[in-house]
Amino acid sequence: MGALETLRTDLQAGRIGAERLLDLLEIVLRRLDAANRRIEELEKTIGGGTPKLDQPFSMREEEKRQEARGKKKKRKPNRKERRGRLQTQDKIAQAERTEPVFPNDVPESDCSLSHTRVAWQLEHGRAVLIAYQIYRGPKNQYGRIPGVLGRSEFGLENVAGSGEYRWMAGNYIKYAGPLTAKDLPVDAHELVAMCARRPVFISVGSLQVEGGWVDARGMFMAGAAAEPVYKLLGKKGLGTSKFPKQETALVDGEIAFRQHAGGHTTGPNWPTFLKFADRYLKGPTPPATKPPTAEK
């Protein structure tokens, strides 16, 4: 029981009179007055209380305030700083040279420039950054970057690049040089096929948001090329070899595909995935219950 509760109980029981209550009040007021005086002395010693911040605080905001007061020189942006992945246009600017890449068996005069991709290549023992101009044929044939992993005609970043190699096993990186993608004994569609008859959901983001880092068409092609194995085992695949429009869900078979309009995340595809997975991830069927019968 606290002091206030004890005091309240004593007052109700008549064990404390008015004079005693006044004495206690006087003691409390004296202690409170002494505490206030001590607080004032401490505030004078430390220079006042803590001011309320009416501005956001961070190291960068503090630098801005100091620059405004003239106490600090304005911070010059360091162009050599790198925050996250470089944009494609920055990579193109850093490339040592540019090379055109045309589709096989298509006259160059019939091709038009599609896009530019940058890839690391190993030349005479050193890594060289090359900007490849990918040309497209009249039937949507694309030029293939030599030595770039993955056989999708869109082309992918070389995994021997300084920011990519750590994702790959050593046995895989050897196909970045001297071996090339054409020397690969397997490809992504065979990896998907090994999952048959199990359900597989292929999720990918937007090329525009990712800045050219994703190969949605190549991922779709891998799923479509794995369909014969699923059919062999009595299951259904994507059901089409035509690349769908963005945010079109192909979820009728055991292989599913959806390209969302976001960036490097699976978040926008979760609702579609959960509907797809609901066909397979089900709990035990509850026991049947008999309807209550009316009493006679």
C-alpha atoms as a PDB file:
ATOM      1  CA  MET A   1       0.000   0.000   0.000  1.00  0.00           C
ATOM      2  CA  GLY A   2       1.424   3.425  -1.010  1.00  0.00           C
ATOM      3  CA  ALA A   3       1.802   6.493   1.217  1.00  0.00           C
ATOM      4  CA  LEU A   4      -1.252   8.203  -0.281  1.00  0.00           C
ATOM      5  CA  GLU A   5      -3.413   5.138   0.221  1.00  0.00           C
ATOM      6  CA  THR A   6      -2.223   4.854   3.830  1.00  0.00           C
ATOM      7  CA  LEU A   7      -2.981   8.542   4.421  1.00  0.00           C
ATOM      8  CA  ARG A   8      -6.435   8.200   2.880  1.00  0.00           C
ATOM      9  CA  THR A   9      -7.190   5.160   5.035  1.00  0.00           C
ATOM     10  CA  ASP A  10      -6.024   6.918   8.220  1.00  0.00           C
ATOM     11  CA  LEU A  11      -8.162   9.979   7.404  1.00  0.00           C
ATOM     12  CA  GLN A  12     -11.246   7.841   6.810  1.00  0.00           C
ATOM     13  CA  ALA A  13     -10.646   5.940  10.042  1.00  0.00           C
ATOM     14  CA  GLY A  14     -10.180   9.169  12.017  1.00  0.00           C
ATOM     15  CA  ARG A  15      -6.632   8.323  13.078  1.00  0.00           C
ATOM     16  CA  ILE A  16      -5.268  11.648  11.699  1.00  0.00           C
ATOM     17  CA  GLY A  17      -6.744  15.014  12.689  1.00  0.00           C
ATOM     18  CA  ALA A  18      -6.720  18.326  10.824  1.00  0.00           C
ATOM     19  CA  GLU A  19      -3.626  19.614  12.657  1.00  0.00           C
ATOM     20  CA  ARG A  20      -1.573  16.548  11.719  1.00  0.00           C
ATOM     21  CA  LEU A  21      -2.716  16.829   8.082  1.00  0.00           C
ATOM     22  CA  LEU A  22      -1.618  20.472   7.913  1.00  0.00           C
ATOM     23  CA  ASP A  23       1.793  19.543   9.332  1.00  0.00           C
ATOM     24  CA  LEU A  24       2.279  16.901   6.664  1.00  0.00           C
ATOM     25  CA  LEU A  25       1.272  19.377   3.944  1.00  0.00           C
ATOM     26  CA  GLU A  26       3.763  21.914   5.218  1.00  0.00           C
ATOM     27  CA  ILE A  27       6.574  19.314   5.106  1.00  0.00           C
ATOM     28  CA  VAL A  28       5.698  18.367   1.496  1.00  0.00           C
ATOM     29  CA  LEU A  29       5.592  22.016   0.394  1.00  0.00           C
ATOM     30  CA  ARG A  30       8.990  22.737   1.965  1.00  0.00           C
ATOM     31  CA  ARG A  31      10.541  19.751   0.184  1.00  0.00           C
ATOM     32  CA  LEU A  32       8.942  20.775  -3.122  1.00  0.00           C
ATOM     33  CA  ASP A  33      10.231  24.326  -2.750  1.00  0.00           C
ATOM     34  CA  ALA A  34      13.761  23.052  -2.013  1.00  0.00           C
ATOM     35  CA  ALA A  35      13.604  20.770  -5.076  1.00  0.00           C
ATOM     36  CA  ASN A  36      12.558  23.683  -7.325  1.00  0.00           C
ATOM     37  CA  ARG A  37      15.437  25.824  -6.068  1.00  0.00           C
ATOM     38  CA  ARG A  38      17.876  22.983  -6.749  1.00  0.00           C
ATOM     39  CA  ILE A  39      16.533  22.603 -10.290  1.00  0.00           C
ATOM     40  CA  GLU A  40      17.032  26.332 -10.929  1.00  0.00           C
ATOM     41  CA  GLU A  41      20.637  26.109  -9.685  1.00  0.00           C
ATOM     42  CA  LEU A  42      21.357  23.138 -11.946  1.00  0.00           C
ATOM     43  CA  GLU A  43      19.845  24.859 -14.984  1.00  0.00           C
ATOM     44  CA  LYS A  44      22.090  27.875 -14.416  1.00  0.00           C
ATOM     45  CA  THR A  45      25.108  25.576 -14.147  1.00  0.00           C
ATOM     46  CA  ILE A  46      24.450  23.575 -17.331  1.00  0.00           C
ATOM     47  CA  GLY A  47      23.071  26.479 -19.347  1.00  0.00           C
ATOM     48  CA  GLY A  48      19.351  25.935 -19.276  1.00  0.00           C
ATOM     49  CA  GLY A  49      17.049  23.115 -20.144  1.00  0.00           C
ATOM     50  CA  THR A  50      16.936  21.073 -23.322  1.00  0.00           C
ATOM     51  CA  PRO A  51      15.457  23.147 -26.156  1.00  0.00           C
ATOM     52  CA  LYS A  52      12.621  21.682 -28.162  1.00  0.00           C
ATOM     53  CA  LEU A  53      13.711  20.734 -31.665  1.00  0.00           C
ATOM     54  CA  ASP A  54      11.488  22.290 -34.314  1.00  0.00           C
ATOM     55  CA  GLN A  55      13.611  20.897 -37.175  1.00  0.00           C
ATOM     56  CA  PRO A  56      14.505  17.330 -38.196  1.00  0.00           C
ATOM     57  CA  PHE A  57      17.855  16.176 -36.859  1.00  0.00           C
ATOM     58  CA  SER A  58      20.385  14.128 -38.735  1.00  0.00           C
ATOM     59  CA  MET A  59      24.017  14.566 -39.665  1.00  0.00           C
ATOM     60  CA  ARG A  60      23.028  15.938 -43.066  1.00  0.00           C
ATOM     61  CA  GLU A  61      20.469  18.377 -41.590  1.00  0.00           C
ATOM     62  CA  GLU A  62      23.047  19.600 -39.083  1.00  0.00           C
ATOM     63  CA  GLU A  63      25.518  20.184 -41.916  1.00  0.00           C
ATOM     64  CA  LYS A  64      22.903  22.251 -43.732  1.00  0.00           C
ATOM     65  CA  ARG A  65      22.282  24.372 -40.615  1.00  0.00           C
ATOM     66  CA  GLN A  66      25.998  24.969 -40.145  1.00  0.00           C
ATOM     67  CA  GLU A  67      26.378  25.915 -43.806  1.00  0.00           C
ATOM     68  CA  ALA A  68      23.506  28.405 -43.423  1.00  0.00           C
ATOM     69  CA  ARG A  69      25.239  29.968 -40.389  1.00  0.00           C
ATOM     70  CA  GLY A  70      28.516  30.167 -42.291  1.00  0.00           C
ATOM     71  CA  LYS A  71      30.327  27.860 -39.880  1.00  0.00           C
ATOM     72  CA  LYS A  72      30.995  25.155 -42.415  1.00  0.00           C
ATOM     73  CA  LYS A  73      31.904  25.186 -46.049  1.00  0.00           C
ATOM     74  CA  LYS A  74      29.318  23.884 -48.413  1.00  0.00           C
ATOM     75  CA  ARG A  75      29.782  20.195 -49.022  1.00  0.00           C
ATOM     76  CA  LYS A  76      30.759  19.498 -52.610  1.00  0.00           C
ATOM     77  CA  PRO A  77      29.232  16.369 -54.087  1.00  0.00           C
ATOM     78  CA  ASN A  78      31.765  13.642 -54.674  1.00  0.00           C
ATOM     79  CA  ARG A  79      31.160  12.224 -58.111  1.00  0.00           C
ATOM     80  CA  LYS A  80      33.223   9.196 -57.239  1.00  0.00           C
ATOM     81  CA  GLU A  81      30.812   8.184 -54.501  1.00  0.00           C
ATOM     82  CA  ARG A  82      28.637   5.198 -55.293  1.00  0.00           C
ATOM     83  CA  ARG A  83      25.365   4.557 -53.574  1.00  0.00           C
ATOM     84  CA  GLY A  84      23.817   1.270 -54.619  1.00  0.00           C
ATOM     85  CA  ARG A  85      23.935  -0.021 -58.155  1.00  0.00           C
ATOM     86  CA  LEU A  86      25.064   2.253 -60.956  1.00  0.00           C
ATOM     87  CA  GLN A  87      22.494   3.332 -63.488  1.00  0.00           C
ATOM     88  CA  THR A  88      22.819   1.895 -66.977  1.00  0.00           C
ATOM     89  CA  GLN A  89      23.708   5.286 -68.499  1.00  0.00           C
ATOM     90  CA  ASP A  90      26.551   5.672 -65.967  1.00  0.00           C
ATOM     91  CA  LYS A  91      27.911   2.256 -66.907  1.00  0.00           C
ATOM     92  CA  ILE A  92      27.749   3.126 -70.591  1.00  0.00           C
ATOM     93  CA  ALA A  93      29.748   6.285 -69.896  1.00  0.00           C
ATOM     94  CA  GLN A  94      32.411   4.238 -68.065  1.00  0.00           C
ATOM     95  CA  ALA A  95      32.723   1.602 -70.794  1.00  0.00           C
ATOM     96  CA  GLU A  96      36.076   1.394 -72.555  1.00  0.00           C
ATOM     97  CA  ARG A  97      34.458   0.912 -75.950  1.00  0.00           C
ATOM     98  CA  THR A  98      31.168   0.307 -77.736  1.00  0.00           C
ATOM     99  CA  GLU A  99      30.452  -2.679 -79.966  1.00  0.00           C
ATOM    100  CA  PRO A 100      27.381  -3.447 -82.127  1.00  0.00           C
ATOM    101  CA  VAL A 101      25.804  -6.902 -81.802  1.00  0.00           C
ATOM    102  CA  PHE A 102      23.571  -8.170 -84.617  1.00  0.00           C
ATOM    103  CA  PRO A 103      21.351 -11.272 -84.645  1.00  0.00           C
ATOM    104  CA  ASN A 104      22.683 -14.291 -86.486  1.00  0.00           C
ATOM    105  CA  ASP A 105      21.719 -14.839 -90.134  1.00  0.00           C
ATOM    106  CA  VAL A 106      20.033 -11.422 -90.437  1.00  0.00           C
ATOM    107  CA  PRO A 107      21.471  -8.734 -92.760  1.00  0.00           C
ATOM    108  CA  GLU A 108      22.653  -5.699 -90.822  1.00  0.00           C
ATOM    109  CA  SER A 109      20.641  -3.434 -93.123  1.00  0.00           C
ATOM    110  CA  ASP A 110      17.442  -5.117 -91.919  1.00  0.00           C
ATOM    111  CA  CYS A 111      18.205  -4.507 -88.238  1.00  0.00           C
ATOM    112  CA  SER A 112      17.449  -1.570 -85.955  1.00  0.00           C
ATOM    113  CA  LEU A 113      19.032  -0.578 -82.653  1.00  0.00           C
ATOM    114  CA  SER A 114      17.036  -1.945 -79.708  1.00  0.00           C
ATOM    115  CA  HIS A 115      18.979  -1.028 -76.574  1.00  0.00           C
ATOM    116  CA  THR A 116      22.473  -0.862 -75.094  1.00  0.00           C
ATOM    117  CA  ARG A 117      23.756  -3.265 -72.458  1.00  0.00           C
ATOM    118  CA  VAL A 118      27.034  -3.135 -70.570  1.00  0.00           C
ATOM    119  CA  ALA A 119      28.998  -6.259 -69.673  1.00  0.00           C
ATOM    120  CA  TRP A 120      32.387  -7.140 -68.257  1.00  0.00           C
ATOM    121  CA  GLN A 121      34.634  -9.239 -70.459  1.00  0.00           C
ATOM    122  CA  LEU A 122      37.959 -10.890 -69.695  1.00  0.00           C
ATOM    123  CA  GLU A 123      40.622  -9.871 -72.226  1.00  0.00           C
ATOM    124  CA  HIS A 124      44.237 -10.891 -71.832  1.00  0.00           C
ATOM    125  CA  GLY A 125      43.812 -11.422 -68.113  1.00  0.00           C
ATOM    126  CA  ARG A 126      42.078  -8.117 -67.331  1.00  0.00           C
ATOM    127  CA  ALA A 127      38.412  -7.166 -66.959  1.00  0.00           C
ATOM    128  CA  VAL A 128      37.135  -4.787 -69.630  1.00  0.00           C
ATOM    129  CA  LEU A 129      33.805  -2.963 -69.472  1.00  0.00           C
ATOM    130  CA  ILE A 130      32.144  -2.942 -72.903  1.00  0.00           C
ATOM    131  CA  ALA A 131      28.909  -1.254 -74.006  1.00  0.00           C
ATOM    132  CA  TYR A 132      27.085  -3.520 -76.455  1.00  0.00           C
ATOM    133  CA  GLN A 133      24.545  -2.010 -78.851  1.00  0.00           C
ATOM    134  CA  ILE A 134      21.953  -4.757 -79.266  1.00  0.00           C
ATOM    135  CA  TYR A 135      20.291  -4.753 -82.690  1.00  0.00           C
ATOM    136  CA  ARG A 136      16.920  -6.344 -83.393  1.00  0.00           C
ATOM    137  CA  GLY A 137      15.856  -8.112 -86.587  1.00  0.00           C
ATOM    138  CA  PRO A 138      12.503  -7.808 -88.384  1.00  0.00           C
ATOM    139  CA  LYS A 139      11.182 -10.911 -86.582  1.00  0.00           C
ATOM    140  CA  ASN A 140      12.306  -9.774 -83.112  1.00  0.00           C
ATOM    141  CA  GLN A 141      15.615 -11.606 -83.293  1.00  0.00           C
ATOM    142  CA  TYR A 142      18.136 -10.020 -80.951  1.00  0.00           C
ATOM    143  CA  GLY A 143      21.896  -9.882 -81.130  1.00  0.00           C
ATOM    144  CA  ARG A 144      23.604 -11.962 -78.460  1.00  0.00           C
ATOM    145  CA  ILE A 145      26.431 -10.572 -76.360  1.00  0.00           C
ATOM    146  CA  PRO A 146      29.403 -12.930 -76.618  1.00  0.00           C
ATOM    147  CA  GLY A 147      30.406 -14.534 -73.345  1.00  0.00           C
ATOM    148  CA  VAL A 148      27.421 -13.261 -71.355  1.00  0.00           C
ATOM    149  CA  LEU A 149      25.725 -15.884 -69.225  1.00  0.00           C
ATOM    150  CA  GLY A 150      22.186 -16.910 -69.995  1.00  0.00           C
ATOM    151  CA  ARG A 151      20.937 -17.700 -73.467  1.00  0.00           C
ATOM    152  CA  SER A 152      18.055 -15.246 -73.442  1.00  0.00           C
ATOM    153  CA  GLU A 153      18.304 -13.027 -76.510  1.00  0.00           C
ATOM    154  CA  PHE A 154      17.765  -9.982 -74.303  1.00  0.00           C
ATOM    155  CA  GLY A 155      21.212 -10.403 -72.776  1.00  0.00           C
ATOM    156  CA  LEU A 156      22.210 -10.269 -69.108  1.00  0.00           C
ATOM    157  CA  GLU A 157      24.954  -8.708 -67.016  1.00  0.00           C
ATOM    158  CA  ASN A 158      28.091 -10.822 -67.032  1.00  0.00           C
ATOM    159  CA  VAL A 159      28.418 -12.584 -63.683  1.00  0.00           C
ATOM    160  CA  ALA A 160      32.171 -12.034 -63.784  1.00  0.00           C
ATOM    161  CA  GLY A 161      31.472  -8.338 -63.117  1.00  0.00           C
ATOM    162  CA  SER A 162      32.854  -6.839 -59.928  1.00  0.00           C
ATOM    163  CA  GLY A 163      29.382  -6.535 -58.389  1.00  0.00           C
ATOM    164  CA  GLU A 164      28.026  -9.906 -59.500  1.00  0.00           C
ATOM    165  CA  TYR A 165      30.601 -12.683 -59.147  1.00  0.00           C
ATOM    166  CA  ARG A 166      29.979 -13.239 -55.435  1.00  0.00           C
ATOM    167  CA  TRP A 167      26.473 -14.526 -56.208  1.00  0.00           C
ATOM    168  CA  MET A 168      27.789 -17.410 -58.300  1.00  0.00           C
ATOM    169  CA  ALA A 169      29.618 -20.647 -57.600  1.00  0.00           C
ATOM    170  CA  GLY A 170      33.151 -20.866 -58.913  1.00  0.00           C
ATOM    171  CA  ASN A 171      32.238 -23.604 -61.376  1.00  0.00           C
ATOM    172  CA  TYR A 172      29.647 -21.274 -62.906  1.00  0.00           C
ATOM    173  CA  ILE A 173      31.914 -18.242 -63.276  1.00  0.00           C
ATOM    174  CA  LYS A 174      34.289 -20.120 -65.581  1.00  0.00           C
ATOM    175  CA  TYR A 175      31.706 -19.711 -68.346  1.00  0.00           C
ATOM    176  CA  ALA A 176      32.435 -15.970 -68.301  1.00  0.00           C
ATOM    177  CA  GLY A 177      35.842 -16.729 -69.856  1.00  0.00           C
ATOM    178  CA  PRO A 178      37.508 -18.449 -71.515  1.00  0.00           C
ATOM    179  CA  LEU A 179      34.316 -20.537 -71.869  1.00  0.00           C
ATOM    180  CA  THR A 180      31.161 -18.751 -73.009  1.00  0.00           C
ATOM    181  CA  ALA A 181      27.422 -19.127 -72.540  1.00  0.00           C
ATOM    182  CA  LYS A 182      27.333 -21.428 -75.573  1.00  0.00           C
ATOM    183  CA  ASP A 183      29.481 -23.898 -73.618  1.00  0.00           C
ATOM    184  CA  LEU A 184      26.951 -24.215 -70.787  1.00  0.00           C
ATOM    185  CA  PRO A 185      25.681 -27.820 -70.586  1.00  0.00           C
ATOM    186  CA  VAL A 186      22.382 -26.678 -69.031  1.00  0.00           C
ATOM    187  CA  ASP A 187      20.243 -23.548 -68.849  1.00  0.00           C
ATOM    188  CA  ALA A 188      17.490 -22.030 -66.724  1.00  0.00           C
ATOM    189  CA  HIS A 189      14.582 -23.887 -68.352  1.00  0.00           C
ATOM    190  CA  GLU A 190      16.167 -27.200 -67.353  1.00  0.00           C
ATOM    191  CA  LEU A 191      16.366 -25.999 -63.769  1.00  0.00           C
ATOM    192  CA  VAL A 192      12.620 -25.290 -63.853  1.00  0.00           C
ATOM    193  CA  ALA A 193      11.995 -28.644 -65.516  1.00  0.00           C
ATOM    194  CA  MET A 194      13.774 -30.446 -62.668  1.00  0.00           C
ATOM    195  CA  CYS A 195      11.035 -29.128 -60.355  1.00  0.00           C
ATOM    196  CA  ALA A 196       8.310 -31.039 -62.221  1.00  0.00           C
ATOM    197  CA  ARG A 197       5.707 -32.043 -61.124  1.00  0.00           C
ATOM    198  CA  ARG A 198       5.923 -29.502 -58.331  1.00  0.00           C
ATOM    199  CA  PRO A 199       4.375 -26.012 -58.665  1.00  0.00           C
ATOM    200  CA  VAL A 200       6.749 -23.171 -59.606  1.00  0.00           C
ATOM    201  CA  PHE A 201       5.881 -19.457 -59.485  1.00  0.00           C
ATOM    202  CA  ILE A 202       8.152 -17.159 -61.539  1.00  0.00           C
ATOM    203  CA  SER A 203       8.031 -13.554 -60.296  1.00  0.00           C
ATOM    204  CA  VAL A 204       9.723 -10.574 -61.936  1.00  0.00           C
ATOM    205  CA  GLY A 205       9.531  -6.773 -61.824  1.00  0.00           C
ATOM    206  CA  SER A 206       9.348  -4.024 -64.415  1.00  0.00           C
ATOM    207  CA  LEU A 207      12.184  -3.371 -66.856  1.00  0.00           C
ATOM    208  CA  GLN A 208      11.503   0.382 -66.699  1.00  0.00           C
ATOM    209  CA  VAL A 209      11.610   0.536 -62.898  1.00  0.00           C
ATOM    210  CA  GLU A 210      14.615  -1.779 -62.590  1.00  0.00           C
ATOM    211  CA  GLY A 211      16.578   0.247 -65.127  1.00  0.00           C
ATOM    212  CA  GLY A 212      17.420  -2.695 -67.372  1.00  0.00           C
ATOM    213  CA  TRP A 213      18.509  -5.076 -64.609  1.00  0.00           C
ATOM    214  CA  VAL A 214      15.810  -7.682 -65.190  1.00  0.00           C
ATOM    215  CA  ASP A 215      15.163 -10.048 -68.060  1.00  0.00           C
ATOM    216  CA  ALA A 216      11.444 -10.712 -67.723  1.00  0.00           C
ATOM    217  CA  ARG A 217      11.177 -12.189 -71.214  1.00  0.00           C
ATOM    218  CA  GLY A 218      14.060 -14.587 -70.583  1.00  0.00           C
ATOM    219  CA  MET A 219      12.488 -15.736 -67.301  1.00  0.00           C
ATOM    220  CA  PHE A 220       9.195 -16.322 -69.109  1.00  0.00           C
ATOM    221  CA  MET A 221      11.003 -18.249 -71.853  1.00  0.00           C
ATOM    222  CA  ALA A 222      12.577 -20.516 -69.223  1.00  0.00           C
ATOM    223  CA  GLY A 223       9.141 -21.353 -67.832  1.00  0.00           C
ATOM    224  CA  ALA A 224       7.666 -21.924 -71.289  1.00  0.00           C
ATOM    225  CA  ALA A 225      10.558 -24.174 -72.351  1.00  0.00           C
ATOM    226  CA  ALA A 226      10.081 -26.340 -69.237  1.00  0.00           C
ATOM    227  CA  GLU A 227       6.444 -27.066 -70.082  1.00  0.00           C
ATOM    228  CA  PRO A 228       7.045 -30.299 -72.094  1.00  0.00           C
ATOM    229  CA  VAL A 229       8.443 -32.021 -69.004  1.00  0.00           C
ATOM    230  CA  TYR A 230       5.385 -31.038 -66.971  1.00  0.00           C
ATOM    231  CA  LYS A 231       3.113 -32.317 -69.748  1.00  0.00           C
ATOM    232  CA  LEU A 232       5.043 -35.577 -69.830  1.00  0.00           C
ATOM    233  CA  LEU A 233       4.227 -36.044 -66.145  1.00  0.00           C
ATOM    234  CA  GLY A 234       0.564 -35.189 -66.637  1.00  0.00           C
ATOM    235  CA  LYS A 235       0.735 -31.601 -65.449  1.00  0.00           C
ATOM    236  CA  LYS A 236       0.031 -28.276 -67.131  1.00  0.00           C
ATOM    237  CA  GLY A 237       2.638 -25.577 -67.769  1.00  0.00           C
ATOM    238  CA  LEU A 238       2.221 -21.906 -68.695  1.00  0.00           C
ATOM    239  CA  GLY A 239      -0.068 -22.854 -71.564  1.00  0.00           C
ATOM    240  CA  THR A 240       1.441 -20.293 -73.966  1.00  0.00           C
ATOM    241  CA  SER A 241       4.732 -19.314 -75.541  1.00  0.00           C
ATOM    242  CA  LYS A 242       3.617 -15.704 -76.144  1.00  0.00           C
ATOM    243  CA  PHE A 243       5.079 -13.221 -73.696  1.00  0.00           C
ATOM    244  CA  PRO A 244       2.140 -11.668 -71.761  1.00  0.00           C
ATOM    245  CA  LYS A 245       1.513  -8.017 -71.021  1.00  0.00           C
ATOM    246  CA  GLN A 246       2.798  -6.657 -67.725  1.00  0.00           C
ATOM    247  CA  GLU A 247       0.665  -7.578 -64.668  1.00  0.00           C
ATOM    248  CA  THR A 248      -0.983 -10.457 -66.555  1.00  0.00           C
ATOM    249  CA  ALA A 249      -1.088 -13.504 -64.295  1.00  0.00           C
ATOM    250  CA  LEU A 250      -0.576 -16.938 -65.855  1.00  0.00           C
ATOM    251  CA  VAL A 251      -1.536 -19.217 -62.981  1.00  0.00           C
ATOM    252  CA  ASP A 252      -3.714 -21.972 -64.464  1.00  0.00           C
ATOM    253  CA  GLY A 253      -0.956 -24.590 -64.569  1.00  0.00           C
ATOM    254  CA  GLU A 254       1.763 -25.890 -62.274  1.00  0.00           C
ATOM    255  CA  ILE A 255       4.157 -23.310 -63.773  1.00  0.00           C
ATOM    256  CA  ALA A 256       2.996 -19.752 -63.037  1.00  0.00           C
ATOM    257  CA  PHE A 257       4.352 -16.404 -64.213  1.00  0.00           C
ATOM    258  CA  ARG A 258       3.597 -12.757 -63.461  1.00  0.00           C
ATOM    259  CA  GLN A 259       5.525  -9.558 -64.158  1.00  0.00           C
ATOM    260  CA  HIS A 260       4.492  -6.757 -61.802  1.00  0.00           C
ATOM    261  CA  ALA A 261       4.980  -3.019 -62.339  1.00  0.00           C
ATOM    262  CA  GLY A 262       7.320  -2.529 -59.364  1.00  0.00           C
ATOM    263  CA  GLY A 263      11.055  -2.779 -58.893  1.00  0.00           C
ATOM    264  CA  HIS A 264      13.426  -5.243 -57.238  1.00  0.00           C
ATOM    265  CA  THR A 265      10.844  -6.854 -54.962  1.00  0.00           C
ATOM    266  CA  THR A 266       8.337  -9.691 -54.862  1.00  0.00           C
ATOM    267  CA  GLY A 267       5.813  -7.644 -52.860  1.00  0.00           C
ATOM    268  CA  PRO A 268       3.321  -6.760 -55.639  1.00  0.00           C
ATOM    269  CA  ASN A 269       3.110 -10.423 -56.680  1.00  0.00           C
ATOM    270  CA  TRP A 270       2.276 -11.799 -53.226  1.00  0.00           C
ATOM    271  CA  PRO A 271      -1.543 -11.665 -53.633  1.00  0.00           C
ATOM    272  CA  THR A 272      -1.291 -13.588 -56.923  1.00  0.00           C
ATOM    273  CA  PHE A 273       1.165 -16.072 -55.434  1.00  0.00           C
ATOM    274  CA  LEU A 274      -1.069 -16.743 -52.417  1.00  0.00           C
ATOM    275  CA  LYS A 275      -4.029 -17.534 -54.693  1.00  0.00           C
ATOM    276  CA  PHE A 276      -1.771 -19.808 -56.733  1.00  0.00           C
ATOM    277  CA  ALA A 277      -0.370 -21.534 -53.625  1.00  0.00           C
ATOM    278  CA  ASP A 278      -3.831 -21.964 -52.120  1.00  0.00           C
ATOM    279  CA  ARG A 279      -4.450 -24.797 -54.570  1.00  0.00           C
ATOM    280  CA  TYR A 280      -1.620 -26.787 -53.015  1.00  0.00           C
ATOM    281  CA  LEU A 281      -1.201 -25.600 -49.422  1.00  0.00           C
ATOM    282  CA  LYS A 282      -4.354 -26.709 -47.660  1.00  0.00           C
ATOM    283  CA  GLY A 283      -4.882 -27.796 -44.095  1.00  0.00           C
ATOM    284  CA  PRO A 284      -6.609 -31.038 -43.032  1.00  0.00           C
ATOM    285  CA  THR A 285     -10.299 -31.309 -43.851  1.00  0.00           C
ATOM    286  CA  PRO A 286     -12.363 -30.692 -40.708  1.00  0.00           C
ATOM    287  CA  PRO A 287     -14.495 -33.656 -39.620  1.00  0.00           C
ATOM    288  CA  ALA A 288     -18.064 -33.638 -40.819  1.00  0.00           C
ATOM    289  CA  THR A 289     -20.580 -32.624 -38.184  1.00  0.00           C
ATOM    290  CA  LYS A 290     -24.150 -33.846 -38.082  1.00  0.00           C
ATOM    291  CA  PRO A 291     -26.818 -31.142 -38.001  1.00  0.00           C
ATOM    292  CA  PRO A 292     -28.593 -30.896 -34.654  1.00  0.00           C
ATOM    293  CA  THR A 293     -31.840 -32.829 -34.517  1.00  0.00           C
ATOM    294  CA  ALA A 294     -34.984 -31.413 -32.964  1.00  0.00           C
ATOM    295  CA  GLU A 295     -35.872 -32.935 -29.653  1.00  0.00           C
ATOM    296  CA  LYS A 296     -39.057 -34.971 -29.570  1.00  0.00           C
END
